[in-house]
Amino acid sequence: MGRGYHIHGSGQFINEGAYFDQMKAQFDWIRTVLVVKIHDVEQKIIE
């Protein structure tokens, strides 16, 4: 079957810098990149 999780973290939009330039080279249509830092993952549905 499946599993359920709660994912806790924070996100930041970036539109300049080395990482943005790398992503822009791959996807020329992007305007910004969402970088998500995961702090904690809780499994909610256990088999």
N, C-alpha and C. Protein backbone atom coordinates (compact mmCIF):
# COMPACT_ATOMS: atom_id res chain seq x y z
N MET A 1 0.84 -1.19 0.00
CA MET A 1 0.00 0.00 0.00
C MET A 1 0.88 1.25 0.00
N GLY A 2 0.39 2.28 0.63
CA GLY A 2 1.12 3.53 0.65
C GLY A 2 1.53 3.92 2.06
N ARG A 3 2.19 5.03 2.12
CA ARG A 3 2.60 5.59 3.40
C ARG A 3 2.29 7.07 3.38
N GLY A 4 2.10 7.64 4.57
CA GLY A 4 1.85 9.08 4.69
C GLY A 4 2.95 9.72 5.51
N TYR A 5 3.36 10.91 5.11
CA TYR A 5 4.43 11.61 5.80
C TYR A 5 4.07 13.07 5.99
N HIS A 6 4.54 13.65 7.07
CA HIS A 6 4.56 15.10 7.25
C HIS A 6 6.00 15.53 7.06
N ILE A 7 6.21 16.48 6.18
CA ILE A 7 7.56 16.99 5.91
C ILE A 7 7.61 18.43 6.39
N HIS A 8 8.55 18.71 7.26
CA HIS A 8 8.72 20.05 7.83
C HIS A 8 10.02 20.64 7.31
N GLY A 9 9.96 21.89 6.91
CA GLY A 9 11.16 22.54 6.41
C GLY A 9 10.89 24.00 6.12
N SER A 10 11.83 24.60 5.43
CA SER A 10 11.69 26.00 5.04
C SER A 10 12.12 26.14 3.59
N GLY A 11 11.56 27.13 2.94
CA GLY A 11 11.87 27.35 1.53
C GLY A 11 12.34 28.77 1.29
N GLN A 12 13.08 28.91 0.21
CA GLN A 12 13.58 30.23 -0.17
C GLN A 12 13.58 30.31 -1.70
N PHE A 13 13.08 31.42 -2.23
CA PHE A 13 13.13 31.65 -3.66
C PHE A 13 14.42 32.40 -3.98
N ILE A 14 15.15 31.92 -5.00
CA ILE A 14 16.36 32.61 -5.43
C ILE A 14 16.23 32.94 -6.92
N ASN A 15 16.74 34.09 -7.31
CA ASN A 15 16.71 34.48 -8.72
C ASN A 15 18.04 35.05 -9.20
N GLU A 16 19.10 34.70 -8.48
CA GLU A 16 20.44 35.09 -8.91
C GLU A 16 21.45 34.16 -8.24
N GLY A 17 22.65 34.15 -8.75
CA GLY A 17 23.71 33.33 -8.16
C GLY A 17 24.01 32.09 -8.99
N ALA A 18 25.01 31.34 -8.52
CA ALA A 18 25.51 30.19 -9.26
C ALA A 18 24.46 29.09 -9.44
N TYR A 19 23.72 28.78 -8.37
CA TYR A 19 22.72 27.72 -8.48
C TYR A 19 21.60 28.12 -9.44
N PHE A 20 21.15 29.37 -9.35
CA PHE A 20 20.13 29.85 -10.27
C PHE A 20 20.63 29.77 -11.71
N ASP A 21 21.86 30.19 -11.96
CA ASP A 21 22.43 30.16 -13.31
C ASP A 21 22.49 28.73 -13.85
N GLN A 22 22.83 27.79 -12.98
CA GLN A 22 22.88 26.38 -13.40
C GLN A 22 21.49 25.89 -13.80
N MET A 23 20.49 26.22 -13.02
CA MET A 23 19.13 25.78 -13.33
C MET A 23 18.61 26.51 -14.58
N LYS A 24 18.93 27.77 -14.73
CA LYS A 24 18.50 28.56 -15.90
C LYS A 24 19.10 27.99 -17.19
N ALA A 25 20.31 27.46 -17.11
CA ALA A 25 20.94 26.84 -18.28
C ALA A 25 20.17 25.60 -18.73
N GLN A 26 19.59 24.88 -17.78
CA GLN A 26 18.81 23.69 -18.11
C GLN A 26 17.38 24.02 -18.52
N PHE A 27 16.81 25.01 -17.87
CA PHE A 27 15.41 25.38 -18.10
C PHE A 27 15.34 26.87 -18.37
N ASP A 28 15.46 27.26 -19.63
CA ASP A 28 15.57 28.68 -19.98
C ASP A 28 14.32 29.49 -19.68
N TRP A 29 13.20 28.84 -19.35
CA TRP A 29 11.94 29.52 -19.09
C TRP A 29 11.75 29.91 -17.62
N ILE A 30 12.65 29.46 -16.71
CA ILE A 30 12.42 29.75 -15.29
C ILE A 30 12.73 31.20 -14.96
N ARG A 31 12.02 31.71 -13.94
CA ARG A 31 12.26 33.07 -13.44
C ARG A 31 12.85 33.06 -12.05
N THR A 32 12.61 31.97 -11.32
CA THR A 32 13.13 31.83 -9.96
C THR A 32 13.20 30.35 -9.61
N VAL A 33 13.96 30.01 -8.58
CA VAL A 33 14.13 28.63 -8.14
C VAL A 33 13.71 28.56 -6.67
N LEU A 34 12.93 27.55 -6.33
CA LEU A 34 12.55 27.32 -4.93
C LEU A 34 13.52 26.29 -4.35
N VAL A 35 14.26 26.70 -3.33
CA VAL A 35 15.18 25.81 -2.62
C VAL A 35 14.52 25.45 -1.30
N VAL A 36 14.33 24.16 -1.05
CA VAL A 36 13.66 23.69 0.16
C VAL A 36 14.68 22.95 1.02
N LYS A 37 14.77 23.33 2.29
CA LYS A 37 15.64 22.65 3.25
C LYS A 37 14.73 21.88 4.20
N ILE A 38 14.85 20.55 4.18
CA ILE A 38 14.02 19.68 5.01
C ILE A 38 14.63 19.62 6.41
N HIS A 39 13.79 19.87 7.43
CA HIS A 39 14.25 19.82 8.81
C HIS A 39 13.85 18.52 9.49
N ASP A 40 12.69 17.97 9.12
CA ASP A 40 12.18 16.81 9.81
C ASP A 40 11.15 16.10 8.93
N VAL A 41 11.14 14.78 8.99
CA VAL A 41 10.14 13.97 8.28
C VAL A 41 9.51 13.02 9.29
N GLU A 42 8.18 13.05 9.39
CA GLU A 42 7.45 12.17 10.30
C GLU A 42 6.59 11.21 9.49
N GLN A 43 6.75 9.91 9.72
CA GLN A 43 5.88 8.94 9.07
C GLN A 43 4.58 8.87 9.84
N LYS A 44 3.45 9.05 9.16
CA LYS A 44 2.14 9.09 9.81
C LYS A 44 1.32 7.82 9.59
N ILE A 45 1.43 7.19 8.45
CA ILE A 45 0.69 5.96 8.17
C ILE A 45 1.69 4.82 8.15
N ILE A 46 1.51 3.88 9.06
CA ILE A 46 2.43 2.75 9.17
C ILE A 46 1.70 1.50 8.67
N GLU A 47 2.40 0.73 7.87
CA GLU A 47 1.79 -0.49 7.32
C GLU A 47 1.51 -1.50 8.40
